[in-house]
Amino acid sequence: MTRSTKYPPEIRERAVRMVFEHEREHPSQWATIRSVFSKFGMSAETLRSWVRQVERDQGRRPGLTTTEREEMRRLEREVKELRRANEMAVSTGERNDLFELLQWCQIAEGPTRPSVEAALDLTQVSGRVLREVGPLGQVLAQEPVGVLV
């Protein structure tokens, strides 16, 4: 879900570009921002924050890039969702360690079969339980036990 903004991306890009283009004409970047912001009808602080974010995206300033920020937000939402699901499972007495392990294996990028096999004793797990877990469980359920490598 994206946040609606007061300014379209074109205005944002143009204002930031103007700051970078006219920076040499002013004693400081802040002075440049102060001369540009009123032309677009935004606050100086709004323009300053846009300039700082573009500088981070270009690697000219330390901090999280826009892509990294979006990924961080996505991961935070996912963790929150998993914690809520885990709390619900614990409160209803339906907590299943196998289910949680396989769920985390799905989240991790590229889980390896040997690590999953080492974590599970597949001889003790029914195919039905594995199929309920999702894509990784379905793959494991299709393989004959002992053939995982």
N, C-alpha and C. Protein backbone atom coordinates (compact mmCIF):
# COMPACT_ATOMS: atom_id res chain seq x y z
N MET A 1 0.84 -1.15 0.00
CA MET A 1 0.00 0.00 0.00
C MET A 1 0.90 1.23 0.00
N THR A 2 0.74 2.09 -0.99
CA THR A 2 1.56 3.28 -1.07
C THR A 2 0.80 4.47 -0.49
N ARG A 3 1.53 5.36 0.06
CA ARG A 3 0.95 6.55 0.66
C ARG A 3 0.72 7.58 -0.44
N SER A 4 -0.46 8.16 -0.45
CA SER A 4 -0.72 9.20 -1.45
C SER A 4 0.04 10.45 -1.04
N THR A 5 0.61 11.13 -2.02
CA THR A 5 1.37 12.33 -1.72
C THR A 5 0.69 13.54 -2.34
N LYS A 6 1.01 14.67 -1.79
CA LYS A 6 0.43 15.91 -2.25
C LYS A 6 1.04 16.33 -3.60
N TYR A 7 2.27 15.89 -3.83
CA TYR A 7 2.99 16.30 -5.03
C TYR A 7 3.23 15.11 -5.95
N PRO A 8 2.96 15.27 -7.23
CA PRO A 8 3.22 14.17 -8.15
C PRO A 8 4.73 13.93 -8.30
N PRO A 9 5.13 12.73 -8.69
CA PRO A 9 6.55 12.41 -8.82
C PRO A 9 7.31 13.34 -9.77
N GLU A 10 6.64 13.83 -10.80
CA GLU A 10 7.31 14.72 -11.76
C GLU A 10 7.75 16.02 -11.08
N ILE A 11 6.89 16.57 -10.24
CA ILE A 11 7.21 17.81 -9.52
C ILE A 11 8.37 17.54 -8.56
N ARG A 12 8.28 16.43 -7.89
CA ARG A 12 9.32 16.05 -6.93
C ARG A 12 10.68 15.96 -7.63
N GLU A 13 10.72 15.23 -8.74
CA GLU A 13 11.97 15.05 -9.49
C GLU A 13 12.49 16.39 -10.01
N ARG A 14 11.60 17.21 -10.52
CA ARG A 14 12.02 18.50 -11.08
C ARG A 14 12.59 19.41 -10.01
N ALA A 15 11.94 19.46 -8.84
CA ALA A 15 12.41 20.31 -7.75
C ALA A 15 13.80 19.86 -7.27
N VAL A 16 13.97 18.55 -7.10
CA VAL A 16 15.26 18.02 -6.65
C VAL A 16 16.34 18.31 -7.70
N ARG A 17 16.00 18.10 -8.96
CA ARG A 17 16.95 18.35 -10.04
C ARG A 17 17.37 19.82 -10.04
N MET A 18 16.41 20.72 -9.81
CA MET A 18 16.74 22.15 -9.77
C MET A 18 17.72 22.47 -8.63
N VAL A 19 17.53 21.82 -7.49
CA VAL A 19 18.45 22.04 -6.37
C VAL A 19 19.86 21.64 -6.78
N PHE A 20 20.00 20.47 -7.40
CA PHE A 20 21.32 19.99 -7.81
C PHE A 20 21.93 20.88 -8.90
N GLU A 21 21.10 21.35 -9.83
CA GLU A 21 21.60 22.17 -10.94
C GLU A 21 22.05 23.56 -10.47
N HIS A 22 21.39 24.12 -9.46
CA HIS A 22 21.69 25.49 -9.04
C HIS A 22 22.51 25.55 -7.75
N GLU A 23 23.01 24.43 -7.30
CA GLU A 23 23.77 24.38 -6.05
C GLU A 23 25.01 25.28 -6.08
N ARG A 24 25.68 25.34 -7.21
CA ARG A 24 26.92 26.12 -7.32
C ARG A 24 26.67 27.63 -7.27
N GLU A 25 25.45 28.03 -7.53
CA GLU A 25 25.11 29.46 -7.54
C GLU A 25 24.86 30.02 -6.14
N HIS A 26 24.81 29.15 -5.13
CA HIS A 26 24.49 29.57 -3.77
C HIS A 26 25.60 29.12 -2.82
N PRO A 27 25.70 29.79 -1.68
CA PRO A 27 26.77 29.45 -0.74
C PRO A 27 26.61 28.06 -0.09
N SER A 28 25.37 27.56 -0.01
CA SER A 28 25.15 26.25 0.62
C SER A 28 23.96 25.56 -0.05
N GLN A 29 23.85 24.28 0.21
CA GLN A 29 22.70 23.54 -0.34
C GLN A 29 21.40 24.05 0.28
N TRP A 30 21.43 24.40 1.54
CA TRP A 30 20.24 24.91 2.21
C TRP A 30 19.78 26.21 1.55
N ALA A 31 20.72 27.06 1.18
CA ALA A 31 20.36 28.31 0.50
C ALA A 31 19.72 28.00 -0.85
N THR A 32 20.22 26.99 -1.54
CA THR A 32 19.63 26.58 -2.81
C THR A 32 18.21 26.07 -2.60
N ILE A 33 18.03 25.23 -1.60
CA ILE A 33 16.71 24.69 -1.29
C ILE A 33 15.74 25.83 -0.97
N ARG A 34 16.21 26.81 -0.21
CA ARG A 34 15.35 27.95 0.16
C ARG A 34 14.96 28.79 -1.05
N SER A 35 15.82 28.81 -2.06
CA SER A 35 15.46 29.59 -3.25
C SER A 35 14.54 28.81 -4.19
N VAL A 36 14.55 27.48 -4.09
CA VAL A 36 13.76 26.64 -5.02
C VAL A 36 12.38 26.29 -4.47
N PHE A 37 12.26 26.05 -3.16
CA PHE A 37 11.02 25.48 -2.62
C PHE A 37 9.78 26.32 -2.91
N SER A 38 9.90 27.65 -2.85
CA SER A 38 8.72 28.49 -3.05
C SER A 38 8.20 28.44 -4.49
N LYS A 39 9.06 28.12 -5.43
CA LYS A 39 8.64 28.03 -6.83
C LYS A 39 7.67 26.87 -7.07
N PHE A 40 7.72 25.88 -6.17
CA PHE A 40 6.89 24.68 -6.33
C PHE A 40 5.76 24.61 -5.31
N GLY A 41 5.72 25.54 -4.36
CA GLY A 41 4.63 25.58 -3.39
C GLY A 41 4.72 24.55 -2.30
N MET A 42 5.92 24.13 -1.97
CA MET A 42 6.11 23.15 -0.89
C MET A 42 6.94 23.80 0.21
N SER A 43 7.06 23.13 1.32
CA SER A 43 7.90 23.68 2.39
C SER A 43 9.36 23.34 2.09
N ALA A 44 10.24 24.14 2.67
CA ALA A 44 11.68 23.91 2.49
C ALA A 44 12.07 22.55 3.08
N GLU A 45 11.45 22.19 4.18
CA GLU A 45 11.77 20.91 4.83
C GLU A 45 11.37 19.73 3.95
N THR A 46 10.25 19.83 3.27
CA THR A 46 9.81 18.77 2.35
C THR A 46 10.84 18.59 1.25
N LEU A 47 11.25 19.69 0.64
CA LEU A 47 12.24 19.61 -0.44
C LEU A 47 13.58 19.10 0.09
N ARG A 48 13.99 19.55 1.27
CA ARG A 48 15.24 19.09 1.86
C ARG A 48 15.24 17.57 2.06
N SER A 49 14.11 17.05 2.55
CA SER A 49 14.04 15.59 2.78
C SER A 49 14.09 14.83 1.45
N TRP A 50 13.48 15.37 0.41
CA TRP A 50 13.55 14.72 -0.90
C TRP A 50 14.98 14.72 -1.42
N VAL A 51 15.67 15.85 -1.26
CA VAL A 51 17.06 15.96 -1.73
C VAL A 51 17.93 14.96 -0.97
N ARG A 52 17.75 14.87 0.34
CA ARG A 52 18.55 13.93 1.14
C ARG A 52 18.31 12.48 0.70
N GLN A 53 17.05 12.14 0.42
CA GLN A 53 16.74 10.77 0.00
C GLN A 53 17.38 10.46 -1.35
N VAL A 54 17.34 11.39 -2.27
CA VAL A 54 17.97 11.19 -3.58
C VAL A 54 19.48 11.02 -3.41
N GLU A 55 20.08 11.80 -2.52
CA GLU A 55 21.51 11.66 -2.25
C GLU A 55 21.84 10.28 -1.68
N ARG A 56 20.98 9.76 -0.80
CA ARG A 56 21.18 8.41 -0.27
C ARG A 56 21.02 7.37 -1.38
N ASP A 57 20.02 7.55 -2.25
CA ASP A 57 19.80 6.61 -3.35
C ASP A 57 20.98 6.58 -4.31
N GLN A 58 21.65 7.74 -4.47
CA GLN A 58 22.80 7.82 -5.38
C GLN A 58 24.11 7.45 -4.70
N GLY A 59 24.07 7.15 -3.41
CA GLY A 59 25.28 6.76 -2.69
C GLY A 59 26.14 7.94 -2.25
N ARG A 60 25.63 9.15 -2.34
CA ARG A 60 26.40 10.33 -1.96
C ARG A 60 26.24 10.66 -0.47
N ARG A 61 25.32 9.97 0.20
CA ARG A 61 25.05 10.23 1.61
C ARG A 61 24.77 8.88 2.27
N PRO A 62 25.27 8.66 3.49
CA PRO A 62 25.00 7.38 4.15
C PRO A 62 23.53 7.26 4.56
N GLY A 63 23.06 6.04 4.62
CA GLY A 63 21.68 5.79 5.04
C GLY A 63 21.00 4.80 4.11
N LEU A 64 19.76 4.47 4.44
CA LEU A 64 19.00 3.50 3.65
C LEU A 64 18.50 4.12 2.36
N THR A 65 18.65 3.37 1.27
CA THR A 65 18.10 3.81 0.00
C THR A 65 16.60 3.57 0.01
N THR A 66 15.92 4.10 -0.99
CA THR A 66 14.47 3.93 -1.08
C THR A 66 14.12 2.45 -1.17
N THR A 67 14.86 1.70 -1.97
CA THR A 67 14.61 0.27 -2.12
C THR A 67 14.82 -0.47 -0.80
N GLU A 68 15.90 -0.14 -0.10
CA GLU A 68 16.17 -0.77 1.19
C GLU A 68 15.08 -0.44 2.21
N ARG A 69 14.61 0.80 2.19
CA ARG A 69 13.52 1.20 3.09
C ARG A 69 12.25 0.40 2.83
N GLU A 70 11.90 0.25 1.55
CA GLU A 70 10.71 -0.52 1.18
C GLU A 70 10.85 -1.97 1.62
N GLU A 71 12.03 -2.55 1.41
CA GLU A 71 12.28 -3.93 1.82
C GLU A 71 12.20 -4.06 3.33
N MET A 72 12.75 -3.09 4.05
CA MET A 72 12.68 -3.12 5.51
C MET A 72 11.23 -3.06 5.99
N ARG A 73 10.44 -2.20 5.40
CA ARG A 73 9.02 -2.11 5.77
C ARG A 73 8.29 -3.41 5.49
N ARG A 74 8.59 -4.02 4.32
CA ARG A 74 7.95 -5.27 3.95
C ARG A 74 8.31 -6.36 4.96
N LEU A 75 9.58 -6.44 5.32
CA LEU A 75 10.02 -7.45 6.29
C LEU A 75 9.44 -7.19 7.68
N GLU A 76 9.34 -5.94 8.07
CA GLU A 76 8.74 -5.62 9.37
C GLU A 76 7.27 -6.04 9.41
N ARG A 77 6.54 -5.80 8.30
CA ARG A 77 5.14 -6.23 8.24
C ARG A 77 5.05 -7.76 8.32
N GLU A 78 5.95 -8.44 7.62
CA GLU A 78 5.94 -9.89 7.60
C GLU A 78 6.23 -10.46 8.98
N VAL A 79 7.21 -9.89 9.67
CA VAL A 79 7.54 -10.33 11.03
C VAL A 79 6.36 -10.10 11.96
N LYS A 80 5.74 -8.93 11.84
CA LYS A 80 4.57 -8.62 12.68
C LYS A 80 3.45 -9.63 12.44
N GLU A 81 3.22 -9.93 11.17
CA GLU A 81 2.19 -10.90 10.81
C GLU A 81 2.51 -12.29 11.36
N LEU A 82 3.77 -12.71 11.26
CA LEU A 82 4.16 -14.02 11.77
C LEU A 82 4.07 -14.08 13.29
N ARG A 83 4.45 -12.99 13.95
CA ARG A 83 4.34 -12.96 15.41
C ARG A 83 2.88 -13.06 15.85
N ARG A 84 2.01 -12.33 15.13
CA ARG A 84 0.58 -12.38 15.46
C ARG A 84 0.04 -13.79 15.24
N ALA A 85 0.42 -14.42 14.15
CA ALA A 85 -0.04 -15.79 13.87
C ALA A 85 0.49 -16.75 14.93
N ASN A 86 1.73 -16.56 15.35
CA ASN A 86 2.32 -17.42 16.37
C ASN A 86 1.62 -17.23 17.71
N GLU A 87 1.32 -15.97 18.07
CA GLU A 87 0.61 -15.71 19.32
C GLU A 87 -0.77 -16.35 19.31
N MET A 88 -1.45 -16.28 18.16
CA MET A 88 -2.77 -16.89 18.05
C MET A 88 -2.67 -18.41 18.19
N ALA A 89 -1.65 -18.98 17.56
CA ALA A 89 -1.48 -20.43 17.64
C ALA A 89 -1.15 -20.86 19.06
N VAL A 90 -0.33 -20.09 19.76
CA VAL A 90 0.03 -20.41 21.14
C VAL A 90 -1.21 -20.29 22.03
N SER A 91 -1.99 -19.23 21.84
CA SER A 91 -3.15 -19.00 22.70
C SER A 91 -4.24 -20.05 22.49
N THR A 92 -4.32 -20.61 21.29
CA THR A 92 -5.33 -21.64 21.03
C THR A 92 -4.80 -23.04 21.26
N GLY A 93 -3.51 -23.14 21.59
CA GLY A 93 -2.93 -24.46 21.84
C GLY A 93 -2.63 -25.22 20.58
N GLU A 94 -2.58 -24.55 19.45
CA GLU A 94 -2.34 -25.21 18.18
C GLU A 94 -0.91 -25.02 17.69
N ARG A 95 -0.02 -24.64 18.55
CA ARG A 95 1.36 -24.39 18.14
C ARG A 95 2.00 -25.71 17.71
N ASN A 96 2.65 -25.66 16.58
CA ASN A 96 3.27 -26.85 16.03
C ASN A 96 4.69 -26.48 15.60
N ASP A 97 5.69 -27.02 16.29
CA ASP A 97 7.08 -26.67 16.00
C ASP A 97 7.47 -27.02 14.57
N LEU A 98 6.98 -28.14 14.06
CA LEU A 98 7.28 -28.53 12.68
C LEU A 98 6.74 -27.49 11.71
N PHE A 99 5.51 -27.08 11.93
CA PHE A 99 4.90 -26.08 11.07
C PHE A 99 5.72 -24.80 11.07
N GLU A 100 6.14 -24.33 12.24
CA GLU A 100 6.92 -23.10 12.33
C GLU A 100 8.26 -23.24 11.63
N LEU A 101 8.93 -24.38 11.81
CA LEU A 101 10.22 -24.60 11.17
C LEU A 101 10.09 -24.54 9.65
N LEU A 102 9.10 -25.22 9.12
CA LEU A 102 8.92 -25.22 7.67
C LEU A 102 8.49 -23.85 7.17
N GLN A 103 7.70 -23.14 7.96
CA GLN A 103 7.28 -21.80 7.58
C GLN A 103 8.49 -20.88 7.48
N TRP A 104 9.40 -20.96 8.45
CA TRP A 104 10.60 -20.13 8.40
C TRP A 104 11.51 -20.55 7.27
N CYS A 105 11.55 -21.83 6.94
CA CYS A 105 12.35 -22.29 5.80
C CYS A 105 11.82 -21.70 4.50
N GLN A 106 10.51 -21.54 4.40
CA GLN A 106 9.91 -20.94 3.21
C GLN A 106 10.30 -19.47 3.10
N ILE A 107 10.37 -18.79 4.21
CA ILE A 107 10.68 -17.37 4.20
C ILE A 107 12.14 -17.14 3.82
N ALA A 108 13.02 -17.98 4.35
CA ALA A 108 14.44 -17.84 4.03
C ALA A 108 14.65 -18.11 2.55
N GLU A 109 15.50 -17.35 1.94
CA GLU A 109 15.73 -17.52 0.52
C GLU A 109 16.56 -18.77 0.28
N GLY A 110 16.04 -19.64 -0.57
CA GLY A 110 16.76 -20.84 -1.00
C GLY A 110 17.11 -21.81 0.09
N PRO A 111 16.13 -22.29 0.87
CA PRO A 111 16.48 -23.28 1.89
C PRO A 111 17.03 -24.53 1.23
N THR A 112 18.04 -25.10 1.82
CA THR A 112 18.65 -26.30 1.23
C THR A 112 18.04 -27.55 1.84
N ARG A 113 17.90 -28.57 1.04
CA ARG A 113 17.31 -29.81 1.52
C ARG A 113 18.12 -30.44 2.66
N PRO A 114 19.46 -30.45 2.59
CA PRO A 114 20.20 -31.06 3.70
C PRO A 114 19.93 -30.37 5.03
N SER A 115 19.81 -29.04 5.03
CA SER A 115 19.56 -28.36 6.29
C SER A 115 18.16 -28.66 6.81
N VAL A 116 17.19 -28.78 5.89
CA VAL A 116 15.83 -29.13 6.30
C VAL A 116 15.81 -30.56 6.81
N GLU A 117 16.49 -31.45 6.10
CA GLU A 117 16.53 -32.85 6.51
C GLU A 117 17.20 -32.99 7.87
N ALA A 118 18.26 -32.21 8.10
CA ALA A 118 18.95 -32.28 9.38
C ALA A 118 18.05 -31.78 10.50
N ALA A 119 17.22 -30.80 10.21
CA ALA A 119 16.35 -30.23 11.24
C ALA A 119 15.14 -31.10 11.52
N LEU A 120 14.75 -31.91 10.54
CA LEU A 120 13.57 -32.75 10.67
C LEU A 120 13.94 -34.23 10.63
N ASP A 121 13.23 -35.00 11.36
CA ASP A 121 13.32 -36.45 11.17
C ASP A 121 12.10 -36.80 10.32
N LEU A 122 12.30 -36.86 9.00
CA LEU A 122 11.17 -37.01 8.09
C LEU A 122 10.44 -38.34 8.25
N THR A 123 11.07 -39.29 8.91
CA THR A 123 10.37 -40.55 9.14
C THR A 123 9.23 -40.37 10.13
N GLN A 124 9.26 -39.27 10.91
CA GLN A 124 8.23 -39.03 11.92
C GLN A 124 7.15 -38.07 11.44
N VAL A 125 7.23 -37.62 10.18
CA VAL A 125 6.31 -36.60 9.68
C VAL A 125 5.42 -37.21 8.61
N SER A 126 4.12 -36.99 8.73
CA SER A 126 3.22 -37.51 7.72
C SER A 126 3.16 -36.57 6.53
N GLY A 127 2.86 -37.09 5.37
CA GLY A 127 2.74 -36.28 4.15
C GLY A 127 1.64 -35.24 4.27
N ARG A 128 0.57 -35.56 4.99
CA ARG A 128 -0.53 -34.62 5.16
C ARG A 128 -0.04 -33.36 5.86
N VAL A 129 0.73 -33.50 6.91
CA VAL A 129 1.25 -32.35 7.65
C VAL A 129 2.13 -31.51 6.74
N LEU A 130 3.00 -32.14 5.96
CA LEU A 130 3.89 -31.41 5.07
C LEU A 130 3.10 -30.66 4.00
N ARG A 131 2.06 -31.26 3.46
CA ARG A 131 1.27 -30.60 2.42
C ARG A 131 0.55 -29.38 2.98
N GLU A 132 0.18 -29.41 4.24
CA GLU A 132 -0.52 -28.29 4.86
C GLU A 132 0.39 -27.09 5.06
N VAL A 133 1.69 -27.31 5.08
CA VAL A 133 2.63 -26.24 5.37
C VAL A 133 2.82 -25.31 4.18
N GLY A 134 2.67 -25.78 2.97
CA GLY A 134 2.82 -24.91 1.81
C GLY A 134 3.77 -25.50 0.78
N PRO A 135 4.32 -24.64 -0.10
CA PRO A 135 5.15 -25.10 -1.21
C PRO A 135 6.32 -25.98 -0.80
N LEU A 136 7.08 -25.57 0.23
CA LEU A 136 8.22 -26.38 0.65
C LEU A 136 7.74 -27.73 1.18
N GLY A 137 6.68 -27.70 1.97
CA GLY A 137 6.14 -28.95 2.49
C GLY A 137 5.63 -29.85 1.40
N GLN A 138 5.03 -29.27 0.37
CA GLN A 138 4.53 -30.07 -0.75
C GLN A 138 5.68 -30.75 -1.48
N VAL A 139 6.78 -30.02 -1.66
CA VAL A 139 7.94 -30.62 -2.32
C VAL A 139 8.49 -31.75 -1.47
N LEU A 140 8.63 -31.51 -0.17
CA LEU A 140 9.16 -32.55 0.71
C LEU A 140 8.23 -33.76 0.75
N ALA A 141 6.93 -33.52 0.71
CA ALA A 141 5.97 -34.62 0.79
C ALA A 141 6.01 -35.48 -0.47
N GLN A 142 6.40 -34.92 -1.61
CA GLN A 142 6.45 -35.68 -2.85
C GLN A 142 7.68 -36.57 -2.92
N GLU A 143 8.74 -36.19 -2.23
CA GLU A 143 9.97 -36.98 -2.27
C GLU A 143 9.85 -38.17 -1.32
N PRO A 144 10.30 -39.33 -1.75
CA PRO A 144 10.31 -40.47 -0.82
C PRO A 144 11.28 -40.17 0.33
N VAL A 145 10.92 -40.59 1.51
CA VAL A 145 11.74 -40.36 2.69
C VAL A 145 13.08 -41.05 2.49
N GLY A 146 14.17 -40.36 2.87
CA GLY A 146 15.50 -40.91 2.75
C GLY A 146 16.18 -40.59 1.43
N VAL A 147 15.44 -40.00 0.48
CA VAL A 147 16.01 -39.69 -0.83
C VAL A 147 16.49 -38.23 -0.87
N LEU A 148 16.10 -37.43 0.12
CA LEU A 148 16.50 -36.05 0.13
C LEU A 148 18.00 -35.92 0.22
N VAL A 149 18.56 -35.07 -0.63
CA VAL A 149 20.01 -34.87 -0.62
C VAL A 149 20.31 -33.40 -0.67
